[in-house]
Amino acid sequence: MLGMTPYYAVIFTSIRTDSDHGYAEMANQMEKLATQQPGYLGIESARGDLGITVSYWKSLEAIANWKANTDHLFAQHKGKTHWYKYYKVRICLVEREYDFRGKTI
């Protein structure tokens, strides 16, 4: 569904604590739940010392509804109390996109 602009990107950058405390399981649950939300378009994620997750949405309303989802609120609370030393959320309007795909060997 990406490729049809404009749409919104929610950029979540984070630094994790040293303990897992069920993080991986909750992250998988939240990703699965997000796919069921109206207006969800996709997700990309990378983790090193700094984690970056970008989720894509059709509208600001869809983003607000996801943020207010009861299960997501619980995960947000656990993030603040157990999983993150730091995080930042940015919401951006994507007006244009392009990509490159190299030759397959």
C-alpha atoms as a PDB file:
ATOM      1  CA  MET A   1       0.000   0.000   0.000  1.00  0.00           C
ATOM      2  CA  LEU A   2       2.963   2.308   0.406  1.00  0.00           C
ATOM      3  CA  GLY A   3       3.695   4.289  -2.699  1.00  0.00           C
ATOM      4  CA  MET A   4       0.404   6.153  -2.640  1.00  0.00           C
ATOM      5  CA  THR A   5       1.206   9.549  -1.166  1.00  0.00           C
ATOM      6  CA  PRO A   6       0.517  11.427   0.944  1.00  0.00           C
ATOM      7  CA  TYR A   7       0.505   9.281   4.082  1.00  0.00           C
ATOM      8  CA  TYR A   8       1.958   9.572   7.574  1.00  0.00           C
ATOM      9  CA  ALA A   9       5.038   8.052   9.182  1.00  0.00           C
ATOM     10  CA  VAL A  10       5.369   7.608  12.942  1.00  0.00           C
ATOM     11  CA  ILE A  11       9.083   7.425  13.745  1.00  0.00           C
ATOM     12  CA  PHE A  12       9.818   5.841  17.123  1.00  0.00           C
ATOM     13  CA  THR A  13      13.467   6.003  18.211  1.00  0.00           C
ATOM     14  CA  SER A  14      14.503   4.381  21.475  1.00  0.00           C
ATOM     15  CA  ILE A  15      17.296   3.249  23.735  1.00  0.00           C
ATOM     16  CA  ARG A  16      16.464   0.055  25.611  1.00  0.00           C
ATOM     17  CA  THR A  17      17.191  -0.990  29.164  1.00  0.00           C
ATOM     18  CA  ASP A  18      19.431  -4.025  29.709  1.00  0.00           C
ATOM     19  CA  SER A  19      16.600  -6.440  30.559  1.00  0.00           C
ATOM     20  CA  ASP A  20      14.047  -8.000  28.236  1.00  0.00           C
ATOM     21  CA  HIS A  21      11.135  -8.457  30.710  1.00  0.00           C
ATOM     22  CA  GLY A  22       8.894  -9.813  27.919  1.00  0.00           C
ATOM     23  CA  TYR A  23       9.760  -7.057  25.433  1.00  0.00           C
ATOM     24  CA  ALA A  24      10.180  -9.290  22.375  1.00  0.00           C
ATOM     25  CA  GLU A  25       6.829 -11.002  22.920  1.00  0.00           C
ATOM     26  CA  MET A  26       5.030  -7.689  23.455  1.00  0.00           C
ATOM     27  CA  ALA A  27       6.678  -6.146  20.381  1.00  0.00           C
ATOM     28  CA  ASN A  28       5.441  -9.052  18.260  1.00  0.00           C
ATOM     29  CA  GLN A  29       1.933  -8.725  19.715  1.00  0.00           C
ATOM     30  CA  MET A  30       1.860  -4.973  19.038  1.00  0.00           C
ATOM     31  CA  GLU A  31       3.042  -5.405  15.461  1.00  0.00           C
ATOM     32  CA  LYS A  32       0.328  -8.007  14.838  1.00  0.00           C
ATOM     33  CA  LEU A  33      -2.311  -5.809  16.506  1.00  0.00           C
ATOM     34  CA  ALA A  34      -1.240  -2.746  14.509  1.00  0.00           C
ATOM     35  CA  THR A  35      -1.850  -4.616  11.239  1.00  0.00           C
ATOM     36  CA  GLN A  36      -5.495  -5.006  12.274  1.00  0.00           C
ATOM     37  CA  GLN A  37      -6.031  -1.269  12.840  1.00  0.00           C
ATOM     38  CA  PRO A  38      -7.923   0.802  10.273  1.00  0.00           C
ATOM     39  CA  GLY A  39      -5.505   3.027   8.377  1.00  0.00           C
ATOM     40  CA  TYR A  40      -2.384   0.922   9.021  1.00  0.00           C
ATOM     41  CA  LEU A  41      -0.089   0.713   5.978  1.00  0.00           C
ATOM     42  CA  GLY A  42       3.115  -1.001   7.141  1.00  0.00           C
ATOM     43  CA  ILE A  43       6.168  -1.024   9.388  1.00  0.00           C
ATOM     44  CA  GLU A  44       9.967  -1.009   9.158  1.00  0.00           C
ATOM     45  CA  SER A  45      12.301  -1.548  12.099  1.00  0.00           C
ATOM     46  CA  ALA A  46      15.998  -1.745  12.934  1.00  0.00           C
ATOM     47  CA  ARG A  47      17.750  -2.172  16.266  1.00  0.00           C
ATOM     48  CA  GLY A  48      21.311  -1.548  17.357  1.00  0.00           C
ATOM     49  CA  ASP A  49      22.188   0.579  20.347  1.00  0.00           C
ATOM     50  CA  LEU A  50      19.475   2.886  19.021  1.00  0.00           C
ATOM     51  CA  GLY A  51      16.234   1.298  17.865  1.00  0.00           C
ATOM     52  CA  ILE A  52      14.209   2.844  15.068  1.00  0.00           C
ATOM     53  CA  THR A  53      10.711   1.729  14.171  1.00  0.00           C
ATOM     54  CA  VAL A  54       8.703   3.525  11.519  1.00  0.00           C
ATOM     55  CA  SER A  55       5.032   2.724  11.135  1.00  0.00           C
ATOM     56  CA  TYR A  56       2.970   4.072   8.248  1.00  0.00           C
ATOM     57  CA  TRP A  57      -0.626   5.289   8.440  1.00  0.00           C
ATOM     58  CA  LYS A  58      -3.285   6.731   6.128  1.00  0.00           C
ATOM     59  CA  SER A  59      -4.273   9.584   8.458  1.00  0.00           C
ATOM     60  CA  LEU A  60      -3.639  11.421  11.702  1.00  0.00           C
ATOM     61  CA  GLU A  61      -6.939   9.999  12.952  1.00  0.00           C
ATOM     62  CA  ALA A  62      -5.678   6.449  12.394  1.00  0.00           C
ATOM     63  CA  ILE A  63      -2.508   7.291  14.346  1.00  0.00           C
ATOM     64  CA  ALA A  64      -4.523   8.770  17.229  1.00  0.00           C
ATOM     65  CA  ASN A  65      -6.774   5.705  17.328  1.00  0.00           C
ATOM     66  CA  TRP A  66      -3.730   3.405  17.464  1.00  0.00           C
ATOM     67  CA  LYS A  67      -2.157   5.462  20.258  1.00  0.00           C
ATOM     68  CA  ALA A  68      -5.405   5.199  22.251  1.00  0.00           C
ATOM     69  CA  ASN A  69      -5.827   1.429  21.722  1.00  0.00           C
ATOM     70  CA  THR A  70      -6.140  -0.210  25.173  1.00  0.00           C
ATOM     71  CA  ASP A  71      -3.573  -2.949  24.502  1.00  0.00           C
ATOM     72  CA  HIS A  72      -1.190  -0.398  23.010  1.00  0.00           C
ATOM     73  CA  LEU A  73      -1.645   1.854  26.075  1.00  0.00           C
ATOM     74  CA  PHE A  74      -0.626  -1.083  28.278  1.00  0.00           C
ATOM     75  CA  ALA A  75       2.474  -1.681  26.140  1.00  0.00           C
ATOM     76  CA  GLN A  76       3.324   2.034  26.304  1.00  0.00           C
ATOM     77  CA  HIS A  77       3.161   1.909  30.119  1.00  0.00           C
ATOM     78  CA  LYS A  78       5.410  -1.177  30.223  1.00  0.00           C
ATOM     79  CA  GLY A  79       7.824   0.613  27.916  1.00  0.00           C
ATOM     80  CA  LYS A  80       8.117   3.528  30.321  1.00  0.00           C
ATOM     81  CA  THR A  81       8.485   1.330  33.410  1.00  0.00           C
ATOM     82  CA  HIS A  82      10.587  -1.572  32.075  1.00  0.00           C
ATOM     83  CA  TRP A  83      11.938  -1.408  28.518  1.00  0.00           C
ATOM     84  CA  TYR A  84      13.167   2.049  27.613  1.00  0.00           C
ATOM     85  CA  LYS A  85      15.794   4.398  28.983  1.00  0.00           C
ATOM     86  CA  TYR A  86      14.737   6.935  26.366  1.00  0.00           C
ATOM     87  CA  TYR A  87      12.377   7.278  23.450  1.00  0.00           C
ATOM     88  CA  LYS A  88      11.115   9.923  21.051  1.00  0.00           C
ATOM     89  CA  VAL A  89       8.144   9.868  18.698  1.00  0.00           C
ATOM     90  CA  ARG A  90       7.943  11.958  15.545  1.00  0.00           C
ATOM     91  CA  ILE A  91       4.930  12.125  13.241  1.00  0.00           C
ATOM     92  CA  CYS A  92       5.632  13.179   9.676  1.00  0.00           C
ATOM     93  CA  LEU A  93       3.629  13.683   6.508  1.00  0.00           C
ATOM     94  CA  VAL A  94       5.186  11.781   3.603  1.00  0.00           C
ATOM     95  CA  GLU A  95       4.517  13.681   0.412  1.00  0.00           C
ATOM     96  CA  ARG A  96       6.883  11.849  -1.903  1.00  0.00           C
ATOM     97  CA  GLU A  97       8.900   8.633  -1.912  1.00  0.00           C
ATOM     98  CA  TYR A  98      11.267   6.753  -4.196  1.00  0.00           C
ATOM     99  CA  ASP A  99      13.507   3.707  -3.905  1.00  0.00           C
ATOM    100  CA  PHE A 100      16.297   1.779  -5.586  1.00  0.00           C
ATOM    101  CA  ARG A 101      16.469  -1.953  -6.203  1.00  0.00           C
ATOM    102  CA  GLY A 102      19.824  -3.313  -7.343  1.00  0.00           C
ATOM    103  CA  LYS A 103      20.314  -6.189  -9.730  1.00  0.00           C
ATOM    104  CA  THR A 104      19.634  -9.637  -8.327  1.00  0.00           C
ATOM    105  CA  ILE A 105      22.655 -11.908  -8.518  1.00  0.00           C
END
